[in-house]
Protein backbone atom coordinates (compact mmCIF):
# COMPACT_ATOMS: atom_id res chain seq x y z
CA UNK A 1 0.64 9.17 19.28
CA UNK A 2 -1.14 5.87 19.11
CA UNK A 3 -1.22 2.16 19.63
CA UNK A 4 -2.83 -0.14 17.09
CA UNK A 5 -2.60 -3.89 17.72
CA UNK A 6 -3.71 -6.77 15.55
CA UNK A 7 -3.73 -10.55 15.56
CA UNK A 8 -4.91 -13.52 13.54
CA UNK A 9 -7.22 -16.02 15.25
CA UNK A 10 -9.01 -18.93 13.59
CA UNK A 11 -8.67 -17.44 10.13
CA UNK A 12 -9.84 -13.94 11.01
CA UNK A 13 -7.95 -10.72 11.67
CA UNK A 14 -8.83 -8.70 14.78
CA UNK A 15 -7.63 -5.13 15.39
CA UNK A 16 -7.80 -2.79 18.35
CA UNK A 17 -6.77 0.83 18.82
CA UNK A 18 -6.76 3.74 21.24
CA UNK A 19 -8.34 7.21 20.96
CA UNK A 20 -5.48 9.65 21.64
CA UNK A 21 -4.87 12.68 19.44
CA UNK A 22 -1.64 14.45 20.39
CA UNK A 23 -0.25 17.90 19.55
CA UNK A 24 2.87 18.69 21.54
CA UNK A 25 1.96 18.23 25.21
CA UNK A 26 -1.77 18.41 24.55
CA UNK A 27 -3.80 15.20 24.37
CA UNK A 28 -7.34 15.10 23.01
CA UNK A 29 -9.58 12.03 23.17
CA UNK A 30 -11.01 11.60 19.68
CA UNK A 31 -14.41 10.21 18.74
CA UNK A 32 -13.35 9.37 15.17
CA UNK A 33 -12.01 5.80 15.28
CA UNK A 34 -8.51 4.67 14.41
CA UNK A 35 -9.74 1.15 13.57
CA UNK A 36 -12.52 0.46 11.08
CA UNK A 37 -13.63 -1.68 8.14
CA UNK A 38 -13.43 -0.67 4.50
CA UNK A 39 -14.92 -3.33 2.24
CA UNK A 40 -13.25 -6.67 2.99
CA UNK A 41 -10.46 -4.96 4.94
CA UNK A 42 -10.01 -4.13 8.60
CA UNK A 43 -7.64 -1.18 9.05
CA UNK A 44 -6.01 0.61 11.95
CA UNK A 45 -3.79 3.65 11.47
CA UNK A 46 -1.13 5.71 13.17
CA UNK A 47 0.88 8.72 11.87
CA UNK A 48 -1.94 11.11 10.87
CA UNK A 49 -5.67 11.47 11.46
CA UNK A 50 -6.02 13.01 8.01
CA UNK A 51 -4.50 9.93 6.45
CA UNK A 52 -6.85 7.77 8.52
CA UNK A 53 -9.87 9.77 7.41
CA UNK A 54 -8.89 9.27 3.78
CA UNK A 55 -8.43 5.53 4.37
CA UNK A 56 -11.83 5.30 6.05
CA UNK A 57 -13.99 7.52 3.84
CA UNK A 58 -12.22 8.21 0.53
CA UNK A 59 -10.21 5.07 -0.24
CA UNK A 60 -12.10 2.81 -2.64
CA UNK A 61 -10.41 -0.34 -1.41
CA UNK A 62 -9.97 -2.81 -4.29
CA UNK A 63 -11.27 -6.36 -3.87
CA UNK A 64 -8.36 -8.80 -3.52
CA UNK A 65 -7.80 -11.16 -6.41
CA UNK A 66 -5.15 -13.65 -7.41
CA UNK A 67 -1.98 -14.01 -5.36
CA UNK A 68 -2.53 -11.87 -2.26
CA UNK A 69 1.13 -10.93 -1.77
CA UNK A 70 1.43 -9.67 -5.33
CA UNK A 71 -1.95 -7.93 -5.11
CA UNK A 72 -1.14 -6.07 -1.90
CA UNK A 73 2.28 -4.87 -3.07
CA UNK A 74 1.04 -3.71 -6.47
CA UNK A 75 -2.69 -3.07 -6.97
CA UNK A 76 -3.48 -2.15 -3.36
CA UNK A 77 -0.48 0.15 -2.94
CA UNK A 78 -1.08 1.86 -6.30
CA UNK A 79 -4.72 2.62 -5.37
CA UNK A 80 -3.62 3.85 -1.95
CA UNK A 81 -0.99 6.20 -3.41
CA UNK A 82 -3.60 7.76 -5.70
CA UNK A 83 -6.06 8.22 -2.83
CA UNK A 84 -3.50 9.97 -0.64
CA UNK A 85 -2.39 12.21 -3.50
CA UNK A 86 -5.95 13.15 -4.43
CA UNK A 87 -6.71 13.89 -0.77
CA UNK A 88 -3.74 16.23 -0.46
CA UNK A 89 -1.89 14.16 2.10
CA UNK A 90 0.89 12.44 0.10
CA UNK A 91 4.34 13.81 0.86
CA UNK A 92 7.91 13.54 -0.38
CA UNK A 93 11.17 13.25 1.54
CA UNK A 94 14.37 13.67 -0.51
CA UNK A 95 12.31 12.95 -3.64
CA UNK A 96 11.04 9.67 -2.15
CA UNK A 97 7.26 9.39 -1.84
CA UNK A 98 6.13 8.72 1.73
CA UNK A 99 2.93 7.36 3.27
CA UNK A 100 2.02 6.65 6.88
CA UNK A 101 1.84 3.47 8.91
CA UNK A 102 -1.18 1.25 9.46
CA UNK A 103 -2.29 -2.35 9.94
CA UNK A 104 -4.44 -4.19 7.40
CA UNK A 105 -6.41 -7.38 7.85
CA UNK A 106 -7.85 -9.18 4.84
CA UNK A 107 -8.63 -12.79 3.88
CA UNK A 108 -7.31 -14.08 7.21
CA UNK A 109 -3.92 -12.39 6.92
CA UNK A 110 -2.44 -9.47 8.82
CA UNK A 111 -0.21 -6.91 7.10
CA UNK A 112 1.57 -3.73 8.15
CA UNK A 113 2.03 -0.95 5.62
CA UNK A 114 4.98 1.31 6.46
CA UNK A 115 5.79 4.82 5.31
CA UNK A 116 7.85 3.66 2.33
CA UNK A 117 4.81 1.72 1.08
CA UNK A 118 6.33 -1.65 1.92
CA UNK A 119 3.88 -4.38 2.91
CA UNK A 120 5.08 -6.54 5.81
CA UNK A 121 3.43 -9.71 7.12
CA UNK A 122 4.49 -10.71 10.66
CA UNK A 123 5.46 -14.36 11.05
CA UNK A 124 4.12 -14.37 14.62
CA UNK A 125 0.55 -13.71 13.58
CA UNK A 126 0.35 -10.46 15.53
CA UNK A 127 1.63 -6.90 15.12
CA UNK A 128 1.47 -3.42 16.63
CA UNK A 129 2.26 0.09 15.43
CA UNK A 130 2.41 3.53 17.03
CA UNK A 131 4.29 4.93 20.01
CA UNK A 132 2.93 2.17 22.26
CA UNK A 133 3.84 -0.66 19.90
CA UNK A 134 6.59 -2.25 22.01
CA UNK A 135 4.38 -2.54 25.09
CA UNK A 136 1.56 -4.02 23.02
CA UNK A 137 3.91 -6.48 21.31
CA UNK A 138 5.20 -7.68 24.67
CA UNK A 139 1.67 -8.34 25.87
CA UNK A 140 0.72 -10.13 22.65
CA UNK A 141 3.81 -12.33 22.95
CA UNK A 142 3.10 -13.12 26.59
CA UNK A 143 -0.50 -14.13 25.87
CA UNK A 144 0.18 -16.13 22.70
CA UNK A 145 0.07 -19.48 24.48
CA UNK A 146 -2.87 -18.71 26.75
CA UNK A 147 -6.46 -19.76 26.14
CA UNK A 148 -7.77 -16.24 25.64
CA UNK A 149 -10.23 -14.83 23.15
CA UNK A 150 -8.85 -12.39 20.54
CA UNK A 151 -10.59 -9.42 22.17
CA UNK A 152 -9.09 -10.32 25.55
CA UNK A 153 -5.57 -10.47 24.13
CA UNK A 154 -6.01 -7.16 22.34
CA UNK A 155 -7.46 -5.53 25.45
CA UNK A 156 -4.43 -6.62 27.49
CA UNK A 157 -2.07 -5.33 24.80
CA UNK A 158 -3.80 -1.95 24.59
CA UNK A 159 -4.00 -1.68 28.37
CA UNK A 160 -0.25 -2.31 28.69
CA UNK A 161 0.47 0.41 26.13
CA UNK A 162 -1.93 2.80 27.87
CA UNK A 163 -0.27 2.17 31.23
CA UNK A 164 3.29 2.76 30.01
CA UNK A 165 2.96 5.27 27.16
CA UNK A 166 1.90 8.90 27.62
CA UNK A 167 0.71 8.99 24.02
CA UNK A 168 -1.97 6.30 24.40
CA UNK A 169 -5.45 6.89 25.80
CA UNK A 170 -8.71 5.04 26.34
CA UNK A 171 -11.35 4.32 25.24
CA UNK A 172 -10.18 1.41 23.12
CA UNK A 173 -12.10 0.25 20.07
CA UNK A 174 -12.04 -3.00 18.14
CA UNK A 175 -12.89 -4.32 14.70
CA UNK A 176 -12.77 -7.70 12.95
CA UNK A 177 -12.22 -8.25 9.25
CA UNK A 178 -14.95 -9.99 7.32
CA UNK A 179 -14.67 -13.75 7.08
CA UNK A 180 -13.68 -15.11 3.68
CA UNK A 181 -14.46 -18.58 2.38
CA UNK A 182 -10.76 -19.37 2.04
CA UNK A 183 -10.07 -18.44 5.66
CA UNK A 184 -10.83 -21.84 7.15
CA UNK A 185 -7.12 -22.62 7.27
CA UNK A 186 -5.44 -22.27 10.66
CA UNK A 187 -2.61 -19.89 11.47
CA UNK A 188 0.25 -19.93 10.56
CA UNK A 189 0.12 -20.08 6.75
CA UNK A 190 2.25 -22.66 4.91
CA UNK A 191 5.97 -21.85 5.00
CA UNK A 192 7.18 -19.98 1.96
CA UNK A 193 10.86 -19.84 2.80
CA UNK A 194 12.77 -17.70 5.26
CA UNK A 195 11.76 -14.04 5.18
CA UNK A 196 13.14 -10.94 6.80
CA UNK A 197 10.50 -8.46 7.94
CA UNK A 198 11.73 -4.87 8.02
CA UNK A 199 10.25 -2.55 10.56
CA UNK A 200 9.39 0.84 9.09
CA UNK A 201 9.41 4.23 10.73
CA UNK A 202 6.19 5.61 12.13
CA UNK A 203 6.97 9.29 11.99
CA UNK A 204 4.38 11.55 10.42
CA UNK A 205 4.78 14.93 8.79
CA UNK A 206 5.88 17.75 11.04
CA UNK A 207 3.74 20.82 11.41
CA UNK A 208 3.10 23.42 14.06
CA UNK A 209 -0.07 22.64 15.94
CA UNK A 210 -0.80 19.53 13.85
CA UNK A 211 -2.60 16.79 15.71
CA UNK A 212 -1.18 13.40 14.83
CA UNK A 213 -1.88 9.79 15.63
CA UNK A 214 1.61 8.55 16.30
C-alpha cells in the first residue's frame, strides 16, 4: 500500500512518497525509501519493495538519447525487463510478462510505468500511483492554479492520501530529478496530437505474508 505523487515544475520533475509497508492488516513504517534517484532519473515505486530495491540498487539506468518517447518505450523498458528477470522478480500472468507500477522523472518529463510495461505521460503535468492515488490526484488538481512551491503541493497531496487511506503512512520523503540543459522549456510540452492515456493496474504479486508497497 502506497502513495507516490509527482509533478513537473519549471522544467524539473519532483516526486514524493510515503513509508508504509503493508502485509494484511499489519503496517510497518519502512526506512528504505520509495522515492530516489538513479542516474538522471527520479523514481518512485508502488507494488513491491523488492521491485523497488532492484530499481534503486541493481538497475543500471541507461542514459536517455534521441527521441525520449521512443527511448523510454524501447531501450528503457528492455533494460528494466532484464533487471527484474535477473533479480528474480519478473512474473507472468496468462503468459503475459508483468512488471509493477512506478513514476519516472527524466529530462523535465514525468512518466508512469504500469504493470504491462506501458509508458504513460500525463497531460496534466502531475500523476500519482498506489492505493492513495485518487486522494493525491485530487489535491494536485486543486493546487494546480495556486502559487505554491512543488514541495508544498506534494506535501498536501501526500497528506490528503495519508488522511483518507489506511495504506499510507508518514514520514513522507521527496526527490527531484537532475536538471538537464534542455529542460529550460516550460510545461506543458508542445502539443503532439490528441492522446489517450490508459491507467494501468497497480496490483502486485500475491503471497502469504508478503509485504508490498501498494
